[in-house]
PDB file of N, CA and C in Angstrom:
ATOM      1  N   MET A   1      31.159 -36.717 191.128  1.00  0.00           N
ATOM      2  CA  MET A   1      32.066 -35.885 191.392  1.00  0.00           C
ATOM      3  C   MET A   1      33.411 -36.212 191.238  1.00  0.00           C
ATOM      4  N   ASN A   2      34.576 -35.145 191.281  1.00  0.00           N
ATOM      5  CA  ASN A   2      35.700 -35.334 190.978  1.00  0.00           C
ATOM      6  C   ASN A   2      36.713 -34.355 191.530  1.00  0.00           C
ATOM      7  N   GLU A   3      37.849 -34.219 191.672  1.00  0.00           N
ATOM      8  CA  GLU A   3      38.665 -33.778 192.510  1.00  0.00           C
ATOM      9  C   GLU A   3      38.648 -31.868 191.915  1.00  0.00           C
ATOM     10  N   ALA A   4      38.508 -31.818 190.268  1.00  0.00           N
ATOM     11  CA  ALA A   4      38.089 -30.892 189.702  1.00  0.00           C
ATOM     12  C   ALA A   4      36.913 -30.051 190.093  1.00  0.00           C
ATOM     13  N   SER A   5      35.704 -30.621 190.413  1.00  0.00           N
ATOM     14  CA  SER A   5      34.685 -30.074 190.609  1.00  0.00           C
ATOM     15  C   SER A   5      34.896 -29.859 192.267  1.00  0.00           C
ATOM     16  N   ILE A   6      35.068 -30.433 192.887  1.00  0.00           N
ATOM     17  CA  ILE A   6      35.385 -30.015 194.492  1.00  0.00           C
ATOM     18  C   ILE A   6      36.590 -28.972 194.252  1.00  0.00           C
ATOM     19  N   GLU A   7      37.445 -28.814 194.164  1.00  0.00           N
ATOM     20  CA  GLU A   7      38.235 -27.442 193.800  1.00  0.00           C
ATOM     21  C   GLU A   7      37.318 -26.213 193.365  1.00  0.00           C
ATOM     22  N   LYS A   8      36.450 -26.486 192.058  1.00  0.00           N
ATOM     23  CA  LYS A   8      35.630 -25.257 191.956  1.00  0.00           C
ATOM     24  C   LYS A   8      34.638 -24.933 192.895  1.00  0.00           C
ATOM     25  N   ARG A   9      34.245 -25.826 193.907  1.00  0.00           N
ATOM     26  CA  ARG A   9      33.128 -25.795 194.572  1.00  0.00           C
ATOM     27  C   ARG A   9      34.029 -24.609 195.835  1.00  0.00           C
ATOM     28  N   LEU A  10      35.149 -25.573 196.436  1.00  0.00           N
ATOM     29  CA  LEU A  10      36.158 -24.590 197.394  1.00  0.00           C
ATOM     30  C   LEU A  10      36.270 -23.113 197.113  1.00  0.00           C
ATOM     31  N   LYS A  11      36.717 -22.945 195.420  1.00  0.00           N
ATOM     32  CA  LYS A  11      36.763 -21.600 194.971  1.00  0.00           C
ATOM     33  C   LYS A  11      35.693 -20.531 195.248  1.00  0.00           C
ATOM     34  N   ILE A  12      34.699 -21.245 194.916  1.00  0.00           N
ATOM     35  CA  ILE A  12      33.170 -20.674 194.965  1.00  0.00           C
ATOM     36  C   ILE A  12      32.568 -20.071 196.529  1.00  0.00           C
ATOM     37  N   LYS A  13      32.814 -21.183 197.436  1.00  0.00           N
ATOM     38  CA  LYS A  13      32.558 -21.228 198.871  1.00  0.00           C
ATOM     39  C   LYS A  13      33.286 -20.135 199.775  1.00  0.00           C
ATOM     40  N   VAL A  14      34.653 -20.507 199.489  1.00  0.00           N
ATOM     41  CA  VAL A  14      35.322 -19.436 200.241  1.00  0.00           C
ATOM     42  C   VAL A  14      35.422 -17.974 199.481  1.00  0.00           C
ATOM     43  N   LYS A  15      35.041 -17.778 198.228  1.00  0.00           N
ATOM     44  CA  LYS A  15      35.331 -16.236 197.724  1.00  0.00           C
ATOM     45  C   LYS A  15      33.465 -15.886 198.183  1.00  0.00           C
ATOM     46  N   GLN A  16      32.551 -16.951 198.741  1.00  0.00           N
ATOM     47  CA  GLN A  16      31.507 -16.369 199.177  1.00  0.00           C
ATOM     48  C   GLN A  16      31.448 -15.789 200.492  1.00  0.00           C
ATOM     49  N   GLU A  17      32.560 -16.434 201.010  1.00  0.00           N
ATOM     50  CA  GLU A  17      32.987 -16.258 202.610  1.00  0.00           C
ATOM     51  C   GLU A  17      33.725 -14.784 202.473  1.00  0.00           C
ATOM     52  N   GLY A  18      33.895 -14.416 201.596  1.00  0.00           N
ATOM     53  CA  GLY A  18      34.936 -13.113 201.609  1.00  0.00           C
ATOM     54  C   GLY A  18      36.332 -13.831 201.483  1.00  0.00           C
ATOM     55  N   GLY A  19      36.996 -14.662 201.386  1.00  0.00           N
ATOM     56  CA  GLY A  19      38.074 -14.908 201.068  1.00  0.00           C
ATOM     57  C   GLY A  19      38.714 -15.543 199.766  1.00  0.00           C
ATOM     58  N   LEU A  20      39.892 -15.912 200.179  1.00  0.00           N
ATOM     59  CA  LEU A  20      40.877 -16.143 198.530  1.00  0.00           C
ATOM     60  C   LEU A  20      41.210 -17.487 198.900  1.00  0.00           C
ATOM     61  N   ALA A  21      41.200 -18.102 197.859  1.00  0.00           N
ATOM     62  CA  ALA A  21      41.653 -19.955 197.875  1.00  0.00           C
ATOM     63  C   ALA A  21      42.417 -19.934 196.845  1.00  0.00           C
ATOM     64  N   LEU A  22      43.781 -19.453 196.847  1.00  0.00           N
ATOM     65  CA  LEU A  22      44.878 -19.208 196.196  1.00  0.00           C
ATOM     66  C   LEU A  22      45.694 -20.262 195.676  1.00  0.00           C
ATOM     67  N   LYS A  23      45.700 -20.698 194.092  1.00  0.00           N
ATOM     68  CA  LYS A  23      46.762 -21.738 194.228  1.00  0.00           C
ATOM     69  C   LYS A  23      48.093 -21.894 194.215  1.00  0.00           C
ATOM     70  N   LEU A  24      48.571 -22.927 194.935  1.00  0.00           N
ATOM     71  CA  LEU A  24      49.851 -22.949 195.637  1.00  0.00           C
ATOM     72  C   LEU A  24      50.881 -23.393 194.590  1.00  0.00           C
ATOM     73  N   VAL A  25      52.029 -22.977 194.414  1.00  0.00           N
ATOM     74  CA  VAL A  25      52.743 -23.645 193.520  1.00  0.00           C
ATOM     75  C   VAL A  25      54.033 -23.499 194.234  1.00  0.00           C
ATOM     76  N   SER A  26      54.961 -24.487 194.097  1.00  0.00           N
ATOM     77  CA  SER A  26      56.114 -24.200 195.151  1.00  0.00           C
ATOM     78  C   SER A  26      57.481 -25.064 194.306  1.00  0.00           C
ATOM     79  N   PRO A  27      57.787 -24.241 193.546  1.00  0.00           N
ATOM     80  CA  PRO A  27      58.746 -24.675 192.580  1.00  0.00           C
ATOM     81  C   PRO A  27      60.546 -25.638 193.599  1.00  0.00           C
ATOM     82  N   GLY A  28      60.712 -26.495 193.380  1.00  0.00           N
ATOM     83  CA  GLY A  28      62.215 -26.955 194.190  1.00  0.00           C
ATOM     84  C   GLY A  28      61.396 -27.454 195.532  1.00  0.00           C
ATOM     85  N   PHE A  29      60.161 -27.399 195.760  1.00  0.00           N
ATOM     86  CA  PHE A  29      59.738 -27.843 197.030  1.00  0.00           C
ATOM     87  C   PHE A  29      58.122 -28.514 196.690  1.00  0.00           C
ATOM     88  N   ALA A  30      58.565 -30.154 196.728  1.00  0.00           N
ATOM     89  CA  ALA A  30      56.862 -31.114 196.145  1.00  0.00           C
ATOM     90  C   ALA A  30      56.382 -31.184 197.254  1.00  0.00           C
ATOM     91  N   GLY A  31      55.330 -31.641 196.816  1.00  0.00           N
ATOM     92  CA  GLY A  31      54.474 -31.943 197.951  1.00  0.00           C
ATOM     93  C   GLY A  31      53.620 -30.918 198.771  1.00  0.00           C
ATOM     94  N   VAL A  32      53.872 -29.733 198.406  1.00  0.00           N
ATOM     95  CA  VAL A  32      53.165 -28.983 198.814  1.00  0.00           C
ATOM     96  C   VAL A  32      51.458 -28.766 198.939  1.00  0.00           C
ATOM     97  N   PRO A  33      50.402 -28.290 199.517  1.00  0.00           N
ATOM     98  CA  PRO A  33      48.982 -28.705 199.623  1.00  0.00           C
ATOM     99  C   PRO A  33      48.875 -27.798 198.081  1.00  0.00           C
ATOM    100  N   ASP A  34      47.748 -27.997 197.506  1.00  0.00           N
ATOM    101  CA  ASP A  34      47.251 -27.163 196.516  1.00  0.00           C
ATOM    102  C   ASP A  34      46.931 -25.990 196.202  1.00  0.00           C
ATOM    103  N   ARG A  35      46.252 -25.641 197.313  1.00  0.00           N
ATOM    104  CA  ARG A  35      45.475 -24.001 197.915  1.00  0.00           C
ATOM    105  C   ARG A  35      45.986 -23.383 199.098  1.00  0.00           C
ATOM    106  N   LEU A  36      46.244 -21.946 199.039  1.00  0.00           N
ATOM    107  CA  LEU A  36      46.302 -21.679 200.219  1.00  0.00           C
ATOM    108  C   LEU A  36      44.721 -20.536 200.407  1.00  0.00           C
ATOM    109  N   VAL A  37      44.163 -20.646 201.405  1.00  0.00           N
ATOM    110  CA  VAL A  37      43.128 -20.408 202.112  1.00  0.00           C
ATOM    111  C   VAL A  37      43.522 -19.247 202.765  1.00  0.00           C
ATOM    112  N   LEU A  38      42.983 -17.894 202.817  1.00  0.00           N
ATOM    113  CA  LEU A  38      43.007 -17.021 203.620  1.00  0.00           C
ATOM    114  C   LEU A  38      41.626 -16.229 203.708  1.00  0.00           C
ATOM    115  N   PHE A  39      41.279 -15.735 205.124  1.00  0.00           N
ATOM    116  CA  PHE A  39      39.729 -15.367 205.484  1.00  0.00           C
ATOM    117  C   PHE A  39      40.243 -13.880 206.352  1.00  0.00           C
ATOM    118  N   ASN A  40      39.706 -13.165 206.344  1.00  0.00           N
ATOM    119  CA  ASN A  40      39.689 -12.405 207.136  1.00  0.00           C
ATOM    120  C   ASN A  40      39.676 -12.311 208.637  1.00  0.00           C
ATOM    121  N   GLY A  41      40.293 -11.611 209.152  1.00  0.00           N
ATOM    122  CA  GLY A  41      41.504 -11.686 210.426  1.00  0.00           C
ATOM    123  C   GLY A  41      42.445 -12.456 210.996  1.00  0.00           C
ATOM    124  N   SER A  42      43.125 -12.525 209.448  1.00  0.00           N
ATOM    125  CA  SER A  42      44.401 -13.283 209.548  1.00  0.00           C
ATOM    126  C   SER A  42      44.174 -14.617 209.584  1.00  0.00           C
ATOM    127  N   LYS A  43      43.452 -14.980 209.489  1.00  0.00           N
ATOM    128  CA  LYS A  43      42.902 -17.225 209.439  1.00  0.00           C
ATOM    129  C   LYS A  43      43.508 -17.512 208.384  1.00  0.00           C
ATOM    130  N   VAL A  44      44.315 -17.954 207.725  1.00  0.00           N
ATOM    131  CA  VAL A  44      45.053 -19.118 207.051  1.00  0.00           C
ATOM    132  C   VAL A  44      44.882 -20.578 207.453  1.00  0.00           C
ATOM    133  N   ALA A  45      44.722 -21.397 205.937  1.00  0.00           N
ATOM    134  CA  ALA A  45      44.977 -22.493 206.035  1.00  0.00           C
ATOM    135  C   ALA A  45      45.451 -22.957 204.636  1.00  0.00           C
ATOM    136  N   PHE A  46      46.262 -24.329 204.909  1.00  0.00           N
ATOM    137  CA  PHE A  46      46.664 -24.919 203.611  1.00  0.00           C
ATOM    138  C   PHE A  46      45.190 -26.003 202.931  1.00  0.00           C
ATOM    139  N   VAL A  47      45.058 -26.131 201.676  1.00  0.00           N
ATOM    140  CA  VAL A  47      44.359 -27.256 201.424  1.00  0.00           C
ATOM    141  C   VAL A  47      44.962 -28.511 200.491  1.00  0.00           C
ATOM    142  N   GLU A  48      44.710 -29.782 201.161  1.00  0.00           N
ATOM    143  CA  GLU A  48      45.105 -30.499 199.842  1.00  0.00           C
ATOM    144  C   GLU A  48      43.866 -31.281 199.120  1.00  0.00           C
ATOM    145  N   LEU A  49      43.417 -31.054 197.629  1.00  0.00           N
ATOM    146  CA  LEU A  49      42.299 -31.276 197.388  1.00  0.00           C
ATOM    147  C   LEU A  49      42.761 -32.924 196.512  1.00  0.00           C
ATOM    148  N   LYS A  50      41.670 -34.135 196.894  1.00  0.00           N
ATOM    149  CA  LYS A  50      41.646 -34.724 196.388  1.00  0.00           C
ATOM    150  C   LYS A  50      40.323 -35.634 195.547  1.00  0.00           C
ATOM    151  N   ALA A  51      40.256 -36.315 194.926  1.00  0.00           N
ATOM    152  CA  ALA A  51      39.367 -36.915 194.766  1.00  0.00           C
ATOM    153  C   ALA A  51      38.578 -38.093 195.521  1.00  0.00           C
ATOM    154  N   PRO A  52      37.362 -38.244 195.634  1.00  0.00           N
ATOM    155  CA  PRO A  52      36.785 -38.805 196.716  1.00  0.00           C
ATOM    156  C   PRO A  52      37.019 -40.285 196.911  1.00  0.00           C
ATOM    157  N   ALA A  53      37.802 -40.342 198.361  1.00  0.00           N
ATOM    158  CA  ALA A  53      38.331 -41.535 198.815  1.00  0.00           C
ATOM    159  C   ALA A  53      39.978 -41.838 198.584  1.00  0.00           C
ATOM    160  N   LYS A  54      40.632 -40.569 197.780  1.00  0.00           N
ATOM    161  CA  LYS A  54      41.881 -40.735 197.615  1.00  0.00           C
ATOM    162  C   LYS A  54      42.660 -40.429 198.761  1.00  0.00           C
ATOM    163  N   LYS A  55      44.166 -41.090 199.059  1.00  0.00           N
ATOM    164  CA  LYS A  55      44.844 -40.873 200.053  1.00  0.00           C
ATOM    165  C   LYS A  55      45.675 -39.765 200.136  1.00  0.00           C
ATOM    166  N   LEU A  56      46.381 -39.046 200.851  1.00  0.00           N
ATOM    167  CA  LEU A  56      47.557 -38.476 200.656  1.00  0.00           C
ATOM    168  C   LEU A  56      48.613 -39.359 200.626  1.00  0.00           C
ATOM    169  N   ARG A  57      49.672 -38.815 199.412  1.00  0.00           N
ATOM    170  CA  ARG A  57      50.898 -39.113 199.776  1.00  0.00           C
ATOM    171  C   ARG A  57      51.819 -39.320 200.493  1.00  0.00           C
ATOM    172  N   ALA A  58      52.848 -40.075 200.773  1.00  0.00           N
ATOM    173  CA  ALA A  58      53.861 -40.003 201.687  1.00  0.00           C
ATOM    174  C   ALA A  58      54.286 -38.418 201.835  1.00  0.00           C
ATOM    175  N   LEU A  59      54.896 -38.417 200.745  1.00  0.00           N
ATOM    176  CA  LEU A  59      55.306 -36.734 200.843  1.00  0.00           C
ATOM    177  C   LEU A  59      54.134 -35.634 201.280  1.00  0.00           C
ATOM    178  N   GLN A  60      53.065 -35.999 200.623  1.00  0.00           N
ATOM    179  CA  GLN A  60      52.052 -34.883 201.046  1.00  0.00           C
ATOM    180  C   GLN A  60      51.931 -35.068 202.519  1.00  0.00           C
ATOM    181  N   GLN A  61      51.719 -36.481 202.712  1.00  0.00           N
ATOM    182  CA  GLN A  61      51.587 -36.123 204.819  1.00  0.00           C
ATOM    183  C   GLN A  61      52.919 -35.626 205.584  1.00  0.00           C
ATOM    184  N   LYS A  62      54.078 -35.712 204.858  1.00  0.00           N
ATOM    185  CA  LYS A  62      54.947 -35.097 205.667  1.00  0.00           C
ATOM    186  C   LYS A  62      54.713 -33.498 205.370  1.00  0.00           C
ATOM    187  N   ARG A  63      54.482 -33.101 204.228  1.00  0.00           N
ATOM    188  CA  ARG A  63      54.518 -31.414 204.159  1.00  0.00           C
ATOM    189  C   ARG A  63      53.152 -31.274 205.319  1.00  0.00           C
ATOM    190  N   LYS A  64      52.361 -31.825 205.216  1.00  0.00           N
ATOM    191  CA  LYS A  64      51.004 -31.384 206.152  1.00  0.00           C
ATOM    192  C   LYS A  64      51.543 -31.441 207.624  1.00  0.00           C
ATOM    193  N   LYS A  65      52.443 -32.241 208.213  1.00  0.00           N
ATOM    194  CA  LYS A  65      52.964 -32.259 209.372  1.00  0.00           C
ATOM    195  C   LYS A  65      53.826 -31.089 209.580  1.00  0.00           C
ATOM    196  N   GLN A  66      54.515 -30.987 208.510  1.00  0.00           N
ATOM    197  CA  GLN A  66      55.639 -29.459 208.734  1.00  0.00           C
ATOM    198  C   GLN A  66      54.668 -28.754 208.713  1.00  0.00           C
ATOM    199  N   LEU A  67      53.768 -28.494 207.962  1.00  0.00           N
ATOM    200  CA  LEU A  67      53.049 -26.891 208.089  1.00  0.00           C
ATOM    201  C   LEU A  67      52.246 -27.114 209.215  1.00  0.00           C
ATOM    202  N   GLU A  68      51.538 -28.158 210.030  1.00  0.00           N
ATOM    203  CA  GLU A  68      50.925 -28.014 211.528  1.00  0.00           C
ATOM    204  C   GLU A  68      51.862 -27.863 212.434  1.00  0.00           C
ATOM    205  N   ALA A  69      53.317 -28.089 212.335  1.00  0.00           N
ATOM    206  CA  ALA A  69      54.188 -28.176 213.172  1.00  0.00           C
ATOM    207  C   ALA A  69      54.355 -26.759 213.508  1.00  0.00           C
ATOM    208  N   LEU A  70      54.022 -25.719 212.569  1.00  0.00           N
ATOM    209  CA  LEU A  70      54.483 -24.447 212.435  1.00  0.00           C
ATOM    210  C   LEU A  70      53.342 -23.919 212.955  1.00  0.00           C
ATOM    211  N   GLY A  71      52.260 -24.500 213.104  1.00  0.00           N
ATOM    212  CA  GLY A  71      50.852 -23.478 213.808  1.00  0.00           C
ATOM    213  C   GLY A  71      49.557 -23.695 212.297  1.00  0.00           C
ATOM    214  N   PHE A  72      49.898 -24.209 211.289  1.00  0.00           N
ATOM    215  CA  PHE A  72      48.781 -23.901 210.424  1.00  0.00           C
ATOM    216  C   PHE A  72      48.051 -24.693 210.647  1.00  0.00           C
ATOM    217  N   LYS A  73      46.307 -24.657 209.874  1.00  0.00           N
ATOM    218  CA  LYS A  73      45.761 -26.017 209.645  1.00  0.00           C
ATOM    219  C   LYS A  73      45.935 -26.265 208.554  1.00  0.00           C
ATOM    220  N   VAL A  74      45.671 -27.689 207.893  1.00  0.00           N
ATOM    221  CA  VAL A  74      46.003 -28.100 206.815  1.00  0.00           C
ATOM    222  C   VAL A  74      44.749 -29.135 206.513  1.00  0.00           C
ATOM    223  N   PHE A  75      44.114 -29.022 205.472  1.00  0.00           N
ATOM    224  CA  PHE A  75      42.973 -29.834 205.409  1.00  0.00           C
ATOM    225  C   PHE A  75      42.850 -30.612 204.452  1.00  0.00           C
ATOM    226  N   LYS A  76      42.839 -31.990 204.028  1.00  0.00           N
ATOM    227  CA  LYS A  76      42.379 -32.638 202.843  1.00  0.00           C
ATOM    228  C   LYS A  76      40.849 -33.088 202.806  1.00  0.00           C
ATOM    229  N   ILE A  77      40.558 -31.942 201.407  1.00  0.00           N
ATOM    230  CA  ILE A  77      39.428 -32.147 201.070  1.00  0.00           C
ATOM    231  C   ILE A  77      39.316 -32.942 200.111  1.00  0.00           C
ATOM    232  N   ASP A  78      38.077 -33.860 200.444  1.00  0.00           N
ATOM    233  CA  ASP A  78      37.413 -34.897 199.030  1.00  0.00           C
ATOM    234  C   ASP A  78      36.408 -35.200 198.864  1.00  0.00           C
ATOM    235  N   SER A  79      35.727 -33.880 199.394  1.00  0.00           N
ATOM    236  CA  SER A  79      33.910 -34.197 199.244  1.00  0.00           C
ATOM    237  C   SER A  79      33.714 -32.704 199.407  1.00  0.00           C
ATOM    238  N   TYR A  80      32.140 -32.633 198.561  1.00  0.00           N
ATOM    239  CA  TYR A  80      31.554 -31.208 199.004  1.00  0.00           C
ATOM    240  C   TYR A  80      31.483 -30.962 200.371  1.00  0.00           C
ATOM    241  N   GLU A  81      30.666 -32.053 201.116  1.00  0.00           N
ATOM    242  CA  GLU A  81      30.866 -31.978 202.953  1.00  0.00           C
ATOM    243  C   GLU A  81      32.087 -31.466 203.195  1.00  0.00           C
ATOM    244  N   ALA A  82      33.276 -31.752 202.768  1.00  0.00           N
ATOM    245  CA  ALA A  82      34.483 -31.784 203.607  1.00  0.00           C
ATOM    246  C   ALA A  82      34.894 -30.104 203.589  1.00  0.00           C
ATOM    247  N   VAL A  83      34.308 -29.642 202.267  1.00  0.00           N
ATOM    248  CA  VAL A  83      34.346 -28.457 202.130  1.00  0.00           C
ATOM    249  C   VAL A  83      33.636 -27.546 202.810  1.00  0.00           C
ATOM    250  N   ASP A  84      32.485 -27.803 203.293  1.00  0.00           N
ATOM    251  CA  ASP A  84      31.581 -26.902 204.134  1.00  0.00           C
ATOM    252  C   ASP A  84      32.079 -27.348 205.550  1.00  0.00           C
ATOM    253  N   ARG A  85      32.973 -28.644 205.880  1.00  0.00           N
ATOM    254  CA  ARG A  85      33.177 -28.656 207.285  1.00  0.00           C
ATOM    255  C   ARG A  85      34.435 -27.553 207.497  1.00  0.00           C
ATOM    256  N   MET A  86      35.651 -27.793 206.428  1.00  0.00           N
ATOM    257  CA  MET A  86      36.461 -26.488 206.532  1.00  0.00           C
ATOM    258  C   MET A  86      36.042 -25.180 206.522  1.00  0.00           C
ATOM    259  N   LEU A  87      35.073 -24.700 206.113  1.00  0.00           N
ATOM    260  CA  LEU A  87      34.503 -23.360 206.152  1.00  0.00           C
ATOM    261  C   LEU A  87      33.875 -23.281 207.564  1.00  0.00           C
ATOM    262  N   GLU A  88      33.279 -24.242 208.018  1.00  0.00           N
ATOM    263  CA  GLU A  88      32.514 -23.963 209.304  1.00  0.00           C
ATOM    264  C   GLU A  88      33.820 -23.834 210.467  1.00  0.00           C
ATOM    265  N   GLU A  89      34.947 -24.291 210.310  1.00  0.00           N
ATOM    266  CA  GLU A  89      36.030 -24.774 211.084  1.00  0.00           C
ATOM    267  C   GLU A  89      36.595 -23.327 210.880  1.00  0.00           C
ATOM    268  N   MET A  90      36.757 -22.906 210.051  1.00  0.00           N
ATOM    269  CA  MET A  90      37.773 -21.600 209.522  1.00  0.00           C
ATOM    270  C   MET A  90      36.766 -20.160 210.159  1.00  0.00           C
ATOM    271  N   ASN A  91      35.638 -20.301 209.924  1.00  0.00           N
ATOM    272  CA  ASN A  91      34.652 -19.100 209.988  1.00  0.00           C
ATOM    273  C   ASN A  91      33.423 -19.513 210.858  1.00  0.00           C
ATOM    274  N   PRO A  92      33.789 -19.884 212.353  1.00  0.00           N
ATOM    275  CA  PRO A  92      32.538 -20.307 212.733  1.00  0.00           C
ATOM    276  C   PRO A  92      31.498 -19.138 213.240  1.00  0.00           C
TER     277      PRO A  92
END
């Protein structure tokens, strides 16, 4: 299992749930999460994808805290199980 396979599973599972997992690119604002995940009912989450057991870099941790301070959910996903946990939390 690597980051690319986890990202592929995320995209497939989110689509199966009726949502979108959009690639997030923010020129001039480094450290933003990899994906913006949108679900029915105006549910929004940011997802940082990592290879198993890899940690967020300092700037990524800072961006995570900034987004959470604004009220957004931010998930670090480094396994298939983490994908499933995120989906359960976003769509109980």
